[in-house]
Protein backbone atom coordinates (compact mmCIF):
# COMPACT_ATOMS: atom_id res chain seq x y z
CA UNK A 1 5.47 10.27 16.58
CA UNK A 2 2.30 8.77 18.03
CA UNK A 3 1.48 5.36 19.50
CA UNK A 4 -2.04 3.94 19.13
CA UNK A 5 -3.43 0.92 20.93
CA UNK A 6 -5.82 -0.05 18.15
CA UNK A 7 -7.13 0.95 14.73
CA UNK A 8 -10.05 2.91 16.16
CA UNK A 9 -7.79 5.38 17.98
CA UNK A 10 -5.54 5.60 14.91
CA UNK A 11 -8.53 6.48 12.73
CA UNK A 12 -9.51 9.19 15.20
CA UNK A 13 -6.04 10.69 14.84
CA UNK A 14 -6.20 10.63 11.02
CA UNK A 15 -9.62 12.25 10.96
CA UNK A 16 -8.39 14.89 13.41
CA UNK A 17 -5.44 15.58 11.10
CA UNK A 18 -7.78 16.19 8.19
CA UNK A 19 -10.10 18.42 10.20
CA UNK A 20 -7.60 20.45 12.20
CA UNK A 21 -8.85 24.07 11.96
CA UNK A 22 -5.48 25.56 12.95
CA UNK A 23 -3.26 23.53 10.62
CA UNK A 24 -4.92 22.91 7.26
CA UNK A 25 -4.34 19.41 5.91
CA UNK A 26 -6.13 18.09 2.84
CA UNK A 27 -4.07 14.97 2.24
CA UNK A 28 -2.45 12.32 4.40
CA UNK A 29 0.07 9.99 2.74
CA UNK A 30 0.93 6.78 4.60
CA UNK A 31 3.74 4.35 3.80
CA UNK A 32 3.53 0.92 5.42
CA UNK A 33 4.93 -2.43 4.44
CA UNK A 34 2.74 -5.46 3.78
CA UNK A 35 0.93 -7.13 6.71
CA UNK A 36 0.87 -3.92 8.75
CA UNK A 37 -2.92 -3.67 8.50
CA UNK A 38 -3.47 -1.02 5.82
CA UNK A 39 -6.60 -2.68 4.47
CA UNK A 40 -8.09 -3.06 7.96
CA UNK A 41 -7.24 0.59 8.64
CA UNK A 42 -9.07 1.72 5.50
CA UNK A 43 -12.14 -0.31 6.51
CA UNK A 44 -12.09 1.10 10.05
CA UNK A 45 -11.86 4.61 8.61
CA UNK A 46 -14.84 3.87 6.34
CA UNK A 47 -16.85 2.31 9.18
CA UNK A 48 -16.16 5.28 11.45
CA UNK A 49 -17.76 7.50 8.82
CA UNK A 50 -21.09 5.70 8.91
CA UNK A 51 -21.55 5.33 12.66
CA UNK A 52 -24.32 7.48 14.09
CA UNK A 53 -23.00 10.44 16.06
CA UNK A 54 -23.73 14.09 16.81
CA UNK A 55 -21.93 15.08 13.61
CA UNK A 56 -23.62 12.32 11.61
CA UNK A 57 -27.01 11.58 13.27
CA UNK A 58 -28.31 9.61 10.27
CA UNK A 59 -25.21 7.44 9.87
CA UNK A 60 -24.80 8.28 6.18
CA UNK A 61 -21.44 6.98 4.85
CA UNK A 62 -18.97 9.83 4.37
CA UNK A 63 -16.13 7.96 2.61
CA UNK A 64 -15.57 6.71 -0.93
CA UNK A 65 -12.84 4.09 -0.70
CA UNK A 66 -10.64 1.83 -2.80
CA UNK A 67 -8.89 -1.20 -1.31
CA UNK A 68 -8.72 -4.98 -1.63
CA UNK A 69 -12.47 -5.21 -0.91
CA UNK A 70 -13.15 -2.96 -3.90
CA UNK A 71 -11.07 -5.19 -6.17
CA UNK A 72 -12.94 -8.24 -4.90
CA UNK A 73 -16.20 -6.82 -6.29
CA UNK A 74 -14.83 -7.87 -9.70
CA UNK A 75 -14.38 -11.61 -10.29
CA UNK A 76 -13.02 -13.18 -13.48
CA UNK A 77 -15.28 -15.73 -15.20
CA UNK A 78 -13.56 -18.11 -17.65
CA UNK A 79 -16.80 -19.68 -18.99
CA UNK A 80 -15.50 -23.21 -18.52
CA UNK A 81 -18.59 -24.74 -20.15
CA UNK A 82 -18.68 -22.74 -23.37
CA UNK A 83 -15.10 -21.43 -23.34
CA UNK A 84 -16.23 -18.38 -25.29
CA UNK A 85 -17.90 -15.67 -23.17
CA UNK A 86 -14.95 -14.86 -20.89
CA UNK A 87 -15.61 -11.76 -18.83
CA UNK A 88 -15.22 -9.84 -15.58
CA UNK A 89 -18.26 -10.43 -13.36
CA UNK A 90 -19.47 -7.54 -11.18
CA UNK A 91 -21.04 -8.13 -7.77
CA UNK A 92 -24.63 -6.98 -8.27
CA UNK A 93 -25.28 -6.78 -4.52
CA UNK A 94 -22.76 -4.00 -4.00
CA UNK A 95 -23.92 -0.40 -3.76
CA UNK A 96 -20.65 0.54 -5.44
CA UNK A 97 -22.37 -0.05 -8.79
CA UNK A 98 -25.74 1.54 -7.98
CA UNK A 99 -25.17 4.76 -9.93
CA UNK A 100 -23.10 3.32 -12.79
CA UNK A 101 -25.85 3.88 -15.37
CA UNK A 102 -26.44 7.50 -14.37
CA UNK A 103 -22.74 8.30 -14.18
CA UNK A 104 -22.07 7.50 -17.88
CA UNK A 105 -18.52 6.40 -17.14
CA UNK A 106 -17.53 4.63 -20.35
CA UNK A 107 -15.82 7.59 -21.97
CA UNK A 108 -13.89 8.55 -18.83
CA UNK A 109 -12.83 4.94 -18.20
CA UNK A 110 -11.64 4.65 -21.80
CA UNK A 111 -9.63 7.87 -21.48
CA UNK A 112 -7.76 6.53 -18.46
CA UNK A 113 -7.40 3.00 -19.82
CA UNK A 114 -5.82 4.19 -23.07
CA UNK A 115 -2.87 5.50 -21.04
CA UNK A 116 -2.01 2.11 -19.59
CA UNK A 117 -3.38 -0.60 -21.92
CA UNK A 118 -4.44 -1.28 -25.52
CA UNK A 119 -7.65 -3.31 -25.22
CA UNK A 120 -11.31 -2.25 -25.37
CA UNK A 121 -14.19 -3.03 -23.00
CA UNK A 122 -17.97 -3.28 -23.08
CA UNK A 123 -20.42 -3.32 -20.14
CA UNK A 124 -23.49 -5.56 -20.18
CA UNK A 125 -26.35 -4.35 -17.93
CA UNK A 126 -29.39 -6.02 -16.36
CA UNK A 127 -32.32 -5.15 -14.10
CA UNK A 128 -31.86 -5.85 -10.39
CA UNK A 129 -34.52 -5.88 -7.65
CA UNK A 130 -32.92 -4.17 -4.68
CA UNK A 131 -34.48 -2.57 -1.62
CA UNK A 132 -37.99 -2.68 -3.07
CA UNK A 133 -37.01 -0.92 -6.29
CA UNK A 134 -35.73 -1.94 -9.70
CA UNK A 135 -32.23 -0.82 -10.61
CA UNK A 136 -30.43 -1.04 -13.94
CA UNK A 137 -26.94 -2.17 -12.97
CA UNK A 138 -23.88 -3.51 -14.81
CA UNK A 139 -23.77 -7.31 -14.86
CA UNK A 140 -20.34 -7.92 -16.36
CA UNK A 141 -17.72 -6.39 -18.64
CA UNK A 142 -16.08 -8.12 -21.59
CA UNK A 143 -12.84 -7.21 -23.35
CA UNK A 144 -11.71 -7.17 -26.96
CA UNK A 145 -8.60 -6.37 -28.94
CA UNK A 146 -7.83 -6.19 -32.64
CA UNK A 147 -11.26 -7.48 -33.61
CA UNK A 148 -11.09 -10.46 -31.24
CA UNK A 149 -13.97 -10.52 -28.74
CA UNK A 150 -14.17 -11.93 -25.22
CA UNK A 151 -10.41 -12.07 -24.76
CA UNK A 152 -8.72 -13.11 -21.54
CA UNK A 153 -6.81 -10.21 -20.03
CA UNK A 154 -3.88 -10.58 -17.64
CA UNK A 155 -4.24 -10.04 -13.90
CA UNK A 156 -2.36 -6.78 -14.22
CA UNK A 157 -4.67 -5.62 -17.04
CA UNK A 158 -7.70 -6.66 -15.01
CA UNK A 159 -6.52 -4.65 -12.02
CA UNK A 160 -5.69 -1.58 -14.09
CA UNK A 161 -9.19 -1.69 -15.60
CA UNK A 162 -10.75 -1.82 -12.12
CA UNK A 163 -8.58 1.11 -11.11
CA UNK A 164 -9.75 3.09 -14.17
CA UNK A 165 -13.36 2.47 -13.16
CA UNK A 166 -12.61 3.86 -9.72
CA UNK A 167 -10.76 6.90 -11.12
CA UNK A 168 -13.77 7.64 -13.34
CA UNK A 169 -16.10 7.42 -10.32
CA UNK A 170 -13.80 9.77 -8.40
CA UNK A 171 -14.12 12.33 -11.18
CA UNK A 172 -17.92 12.24 -10.88
CA UNK A 173 -17.60 12.62 -7.12
CA UNK A 174 -15.41 15.70 -7.55
CA UNK A 175 -17.85 17.05 -10.13
CA UNK A 176 -20.48 17.03 -7.37
CA UNK A 177 -22.72 14.31 -8.82
CA UNK A 178 -25.81 13.82 -6.67
CA UNK A 179 -24.93 10.18 -6.01
CA UNK A 180 -21.99 11.33 -3.91
CA UNK A 181 -23.52 14.19 -1.95
CA UNK A 182 -22.40 13.89 1.64
CA UNK A 183 -19.11 12.21 0.82
CA UNK A 184 -16.32 14.11 2.58
CA UNK A 185 -13.40 11.70 2.34
CA UNK A 186 -11.57 9.64 -0.23
CA UNK A 187 -9.53 6.69 1.06
CA UNK A 188 -7.22 4.92 -1.40
CA UNK A 189 -5.16 1.91 -0.32
CA UNK A 190 -2.60 0.19 -2.56
CA UNK A 191 -4.14 0.75 -5.99
CA UNK A 192 -1.35 -0.80 -8.08
CA UNK A 193 -1.18 -4.52 -7.35
CA UNK A 194 0.29 -6.51 -10.27
CA UNK A 195 1.52 -3.41 -12.11
CA UNK A 196 4.97 -3.00 -13.61
CA UNK A 197 7.06 0.03 -12.57
CA UNK A 198 6.33 1.97 -15.76
CA UNK A 199 2.57 1.78 -15.21
CA UNK A 200 3.08 2.43 -11.50
CA UNK A 201 4.68 5.78 -12.30
CA UNK A 202 1.95 6.68 -14.81
CA UNK A 203 -0.82 5.77 -12.37
CA UNK A 204 0.87 7.72 -9.57
CA UNK A 205 1.12 10.86 -11.73
CA UNK A 206 -2.55 10.62 -12.78
CA UNK A 207 -3.65 9.95 -9.21
CA UNK A 208 -1.63 12.90 -7.91
CA UNK A 209 -3.47 15.19 -10.35
CA UNK A 210 -6.81 13.86 -9.14
CA UNK A 211 -5.85 14.30 -5.49
CA UNK A 212 -4.69 17.86 -6.16
CA UNK A 213 -8.09 18.51 -7.64
CA UNK A 214 -9.80 16.98 -4.58
CA UNK A 215 -7.71 19.07 -2.18
CA UNK A 216 -8.36 22.37 -4.03
CA UNK A 217 -11.99 21.70 -4.91
CA UNK A 218 -14.48 24.60 -4.64
CA UNK A 219 -18.27 24.80 -4.66
CA UNK A 220 -20.51 26.62 -7.17
CA UNK A 221 -19.87 29.91 -5.37
CA UNK A 222 -16.10 29.51 -5.45
CA UNK A 223 -15.80 28.68 -1.76
CA UNK A 224 -13.38 25.93 -0.65
CA UNK A 225 -15.09 22.52 -0.66
CA UNK A 226 -12.23 20.02 -0.56
CA UNK A 227 -12.59 16.26 -0.48
CA UNK A 228 -10.12 15.13 2.18
CA UNK A 229 -7.86 12.23 1.21
CA UNK A 230 -6.04 9.36 2.89
CA UNK A 231 -3.62 7.47 0.64
CA UNK A 232 -1.62 4.44 1.76
CA UNK A 233 0.81 2.13 -0.01
CA UNK A 234 3.54 -0.45 0.54
CA UNK A 235 5.07 0.24 -2.88
CA UNK A 236 8.20 2.38 -2.39
CA UNK A 237 8.41 3.72 -5.95
CA UNK A 238 4.71 4.56 -6.10
CA UNK A 239 4.81 6.29 -2.73
CA UNK A 240 7.90 8.29 -3.67
CA UNK A 241 6.35 9.49 -6.94
CA UNK A 242 3.19 10.52 -5.09
CA UNK A 243 5.23 12.49 -2.56
CA UNK A 244 7.20 14.24 -5.30
CA UNK A 245 4.15 15.06 -7.40
CA UNK A 246 2.13 16.42 -4.50
CA UNK A 247 5.05 18.20 -2.90
CA UNK A 248 5.97 20.42 -5.86
CA UNK A 249 4.24 23.54 -7.08
CA UNK A 250 2.73 23.51 -10.56
CA UNK A 251 2.59 26.89 -12.31
CA UNK A 252 0.19 29.15 -10.40
CA UNK A 253 -1.72 26.32 -8.75
CA UNK A 254 -1.93 26.56 -4.96
CA UNK A 255 0.26 24.17 -2.99
CA UNK A 256 -1.45 21.18 -1.39
CA UNK A 257 -1.24 20.97 2.40
CA UNK A 258 -0.44 17.38 3.25
CA UNK A 259 1.27 15.14 5.79
CA UNK A 260 3.44 12.08 5.27
CA UNK A 261 3.63 9.22 7.72
CA UNK A 262 5.36 5.90 8.16
CA UNK A 263 3.03 3.37 9.81
CA UNK A 264 4.30 0.24 11.48
CA UNK A 265 3.70 -2.15 14.34
CA UNK A 266 6.81 -2.18 16.54
CA UNK A 267 6.02 -5.45 18.29
CA UNK A 268 3.85 -7.12 15.67
CA UNK A 269 0.81 -6.86 17.95
CA UNK A 270 -2.19 -4.53 17.85
CA UNK A 271 -0.20 -1.41 18.75
CA UNK A 272 0.52 1.00 15.89
CA UNK A 273 3.24 3.62 15.59
CA UNK A 274 2.64 6.59 13.29
CA UNK A 275 5.79 8.53 12.52
CA UNK A 276 5.98 11.74 10.49
CA UNK A 277 8.44 11.34 7.60
CA UNK A 278 9.07 15.03 6.89
CA UNK A 279 10.45 15.21 3.33
CA UNK A 280 11.85 11.69 3.16
CA UNK A 281 9.50 8.75 2.72
CA UNK A 282 10.51 5.47 4.32
CA UNK A 283 11.19 2.81 1.74
CA UNK A 284 10.34 -0.86 2.11
CA UNK A 285 13.89 -2.04 2.80
CA UNK A 286 14.30 0.60 5.52
CA UNK A 287 11.04 -0.51 7.14
CA UNK A 288 12.22 -4.11 6.98
CA UNK A 289 15.52 -3.24 8.64
CA UNK A 290 13.69 -1.36 11.38
CA UNK A 291 11.54 -4.42 12.11
CA UNK A 292 14.59 -6.71 12.06
CA UNK A 293 16.31 -4.37 14.50
CA UNK A 294 13.35 -4.63 16.87
CA UNK A 295 13.19 -8.40 16.49
CA UNK A 296 16.90 -8.55 17.36
CA UNK A 297 16.45 -6.62 20.62
CA UNK A 298 17.64 -9.08 23.31
CA UNK A 299 15.10 -7.82 25.85
CA UNK A 300 11.94 -7.14 23.83
CA UNK A 301 12.40 -8.89 20.49
CA UNK A 302 12.10 -12.46 19.29
CA UNK A 303 14.14 -13.82 16.40
CA UNK A 304 12.85 -16.54 14.08
CA UNK A 305 14.69 -18.40 11.35
CA UNK A 306 12.81 -16.54 8.58
CA UNK A 307 14.46 -13.29 9.71
CA UNK A 308 17.63 -14.47 7.94
CA UNK A 309 15.62 -14.55 4.69
CA UNK A 310 14.49 -10.96 5.24
CA UNK A 311 18.01 -9.73 6.02
CA UNK A 312 19.48 -11.48 3.00
CA UNK A 313 16.77 -9.94 0.78
CA UNK A 314 17.68 -6.41 1.97
CA UNK A 315 21.37 -7.10 1.41
CA UNK A 316 20.69 -8.34 -2.12
CA UNK A 317 18.77 -5.13 -2.92
CA UNK A 318 21.57 -3.03 -1.43
CA UNK A 319 24.24 -4.82 -3.46
CA UNK A 320 22.14 -4.50 -6.62
CA UNK A 321 21.68 -0.77 -5.98
CA UNK A 322 25.46 -0.35 -6.00
CA UNK A 323 25.78 -2.46 -9.15
CA UNK A 324 27.15 -5.63 -7.54
CA UNK A 325 25.83 -9.13 -8.24
CA UNK A 326 25.93 -10.65 -4.74
CA UNK A 327 25.68 -9.90 -1.03
CA UNK A 328 29.45 -10.43 -0.78
CA UNK A 329 29.68 -6.70 -1.52
CA UNK A 330 27.86 -5.94 1.74
CA UNK A 331 30.31 -8.04 3.75
CA UNK A 332 33.56 -6.64 2.38
CA UNK A 333 33.79 -4.02 5.10
CA UNK A 334 34.84 -6.77 7.54
CA UNK A 335 38.59 -6.69 8.02
CA UNK A 336 38.54 -10.17 9.44
CA UNK A 337 38.44 -12.73 6.64
CA UNK A 338 37.13 -15.42 8.98
CA UNK A 339 34.20 -13.22 9.97
CA UNK A 340 33.40 -12.50 6.32
CA UNK A 341 33.35 -16.21 5.58
CA UNK A 342 31.23 -16.88 8.68
CA UNK A 343 28.70 -14.16 7.85
CA UNK A 344 28.47 -15.30 4.23
CA UNK A 345 27.98 -18.92 5.23
CA UNK A 346 25.29 -18.01 7.75
CA UNK A 347 23.32 -15.94 5.25
CA UNK A 348 23.57 -18.63 2.57
CA UNK A 349 22.80 -21.55 4.87
CA UNK A 350 20.13 -20.07 7.12
CA UNK A 351 18.17 -18.13 4.50
CA UNK A 352 17.41 -21.09 2.25
CA UNK A 353 15.68 -23.52 4.59
CA UNK A 354 11.95 -24.19 4.55
CA UNK A 355 11.24 -21.46 7.10
CA UNK A 356 7.58 -20.52 6.94
CA UNK A 357 6.43 -17.16 8.26
CA UNK A 358 3.11 -18.67 9.38
CA UNK A 359 4.78 -21.52 11.31
CA UNK A 360 7.92 -19.79 12.58
CA UNK A 361 10.82 -21.55 14.29
CA UNK A 362 12.70 -19.54 16.90
CA UNK A 363 16.46 -19.29 16.38
CA UNK A 364 18.90 -20.94 18.72
CA UNK A 365 20.90 -18.64 21.00
CA UNK A 366 24.10 -18.96 18.94
CA UNK A 367 22.33 -18.01 15.72
CA UNK A 368 20.55 -15.12 17.46
CA UNK A 369 23.85 -13.58 18.47
CA UNK A 370 25.29 -14.12 15.01
CA UNK A 371 22.22 -12.52 13.42
CA UNK A 372 22.55 -9.49 15.70
CA UNK A 373 26.19 -9.04 14.71
CA UNK A 374 25.49 -9.24 10.98
CA UNK A 375 22.52 -6.87 11.18
CA UNK A 376 24.30 -4.36 13.44
CA UNK A 377 27.40 -4.15 11.27
CA UNK A 378 25.36 -3.94 8.05
CA UNK A 379 23.33 -0.99 9.40
CA UNK A 380 26.48 0.78 10.62
CA UNK A 381 28.41 0.11 7.40
CA UNK A 382 25.75 1.65 5.14
CA UNK A 383 24.58 4.30 7.62
CA UNK A 384 20.86 3.52 7.35
CA UNK A 385 18.61 6.07 9.05
CA UNK A 386 15.96 3.89 10.66
CA UNK A 387 12.78 4.88 12.50
CA UNK A 388 13.56 4.95 16.18
CA UNK A 389 17.06 4.86 17.63
CA UNK A 390 19.81 3.22 15.60
CA UNK A 391 22.04 0.85 17.52
CA UNK A 392 25.21 2.31 18.97
CA UNK A 393 28.53 1.09 17.62
CA UNK A 394 29.43 -1.82 19.91
CA UNK A 395 32.82 -3.07 21.09
CA UNK A 396 34.28 -5.91 19.06
CA UNK A 397 32.45 -9.10 20.08
CA UNK A 398 33.96 -12.49 20.63
CA UNK A 399 33.93 -14.82 17.60
CA UNK A 400 30.59 -16.54 17.16
CA UNK A 401 30.33 -20.30 16.65
CA UNK A 402 29.64 -21.71 13.22
CA UNK A 403 25.85 -21.70 12.64
CA UNK A 404 23.90 -24.91 12.62
CA UNK A 405 21.03 -25.21 10.18
CA UNK A 406 17.67 -25.53 11.90
CA UNK A 407 15.50 -28.49 10.88
CA UNK A 408 12.99 -27.75 8.14
CA UNK A 409 9.40 -27.42 9.23
């Protein structure tokens, strides 16, 4: 486990992991829940690779990356005036598209896209003056299906198309295309926004194959020439599939040396904790419980009314996992019927107010103690293994007062 005061020191650690001469690591897999700072981490990693240094005196970028910034290079245009030429507009100023014409990606994109969707696409190109030279770059891409042109695709279909474009570019990078000479790293952050679970599994399997290829890549002489990879996600199913796919041996293929981490911010500030997960990835509900446990710490934590929403959400998922329709299942372990009724009332009453995460209201002392009791007994009852130390089983506390609903903000 390592603690890092800022993203810059965390990036240094990740790059050291990938370049450790005594313990070969080609891949780093990171699980982190939303709002941890995964996108900022990917940008800091990318920026570190283009700063001038002894190892990189020219400051040439060494990372090909995919994150929310990559997705934002594609903007949907509804053609409100003509209502006919609906398309996905590409940002012509981005160097991401500079080599699109030379790469001849259409066939590779179509091969990937056919696995996840059933529509066709067509790029429209134009000449762009950039840096004193004329480039032929893609302007926009339109979609069709069943003979109907310029169709509107869903947000999920739009995102899966963008992902297919990136996968096709990755293939050219691994092929050693001249446009990507000098690239040493591949950073992929949360590639499956707006995807259903079926497509999430398919994308994870295809990505795992690509990352295996990156990790075992060789040069023209057969010498190892891997592209080192950082992959991060908040999606528990996607992360689990990636771990399983990369962790198993396939026929005679060499195993892929990789590390798995859980990344979180213990106090919600700029300090990051990177914890090795061994063979068991941390799932989203476990990460949530760990954060709730820290928030409930009487000395270091701070409890807000929205924490009841988070606890109720985890309980609902737990009950659903065991095939039960309500959180009452999670409270049945209480021998005291009055406590069960109290806990149930608190979770129903205090998790349905207008409690905004961005304008939080701190709990009153009575509700804080009640929250701590519910959380502590829930964790003990279901034996959750949380990052850090789990709370010890406490002596039976005195009955808590009936909760009072906080005023809506």
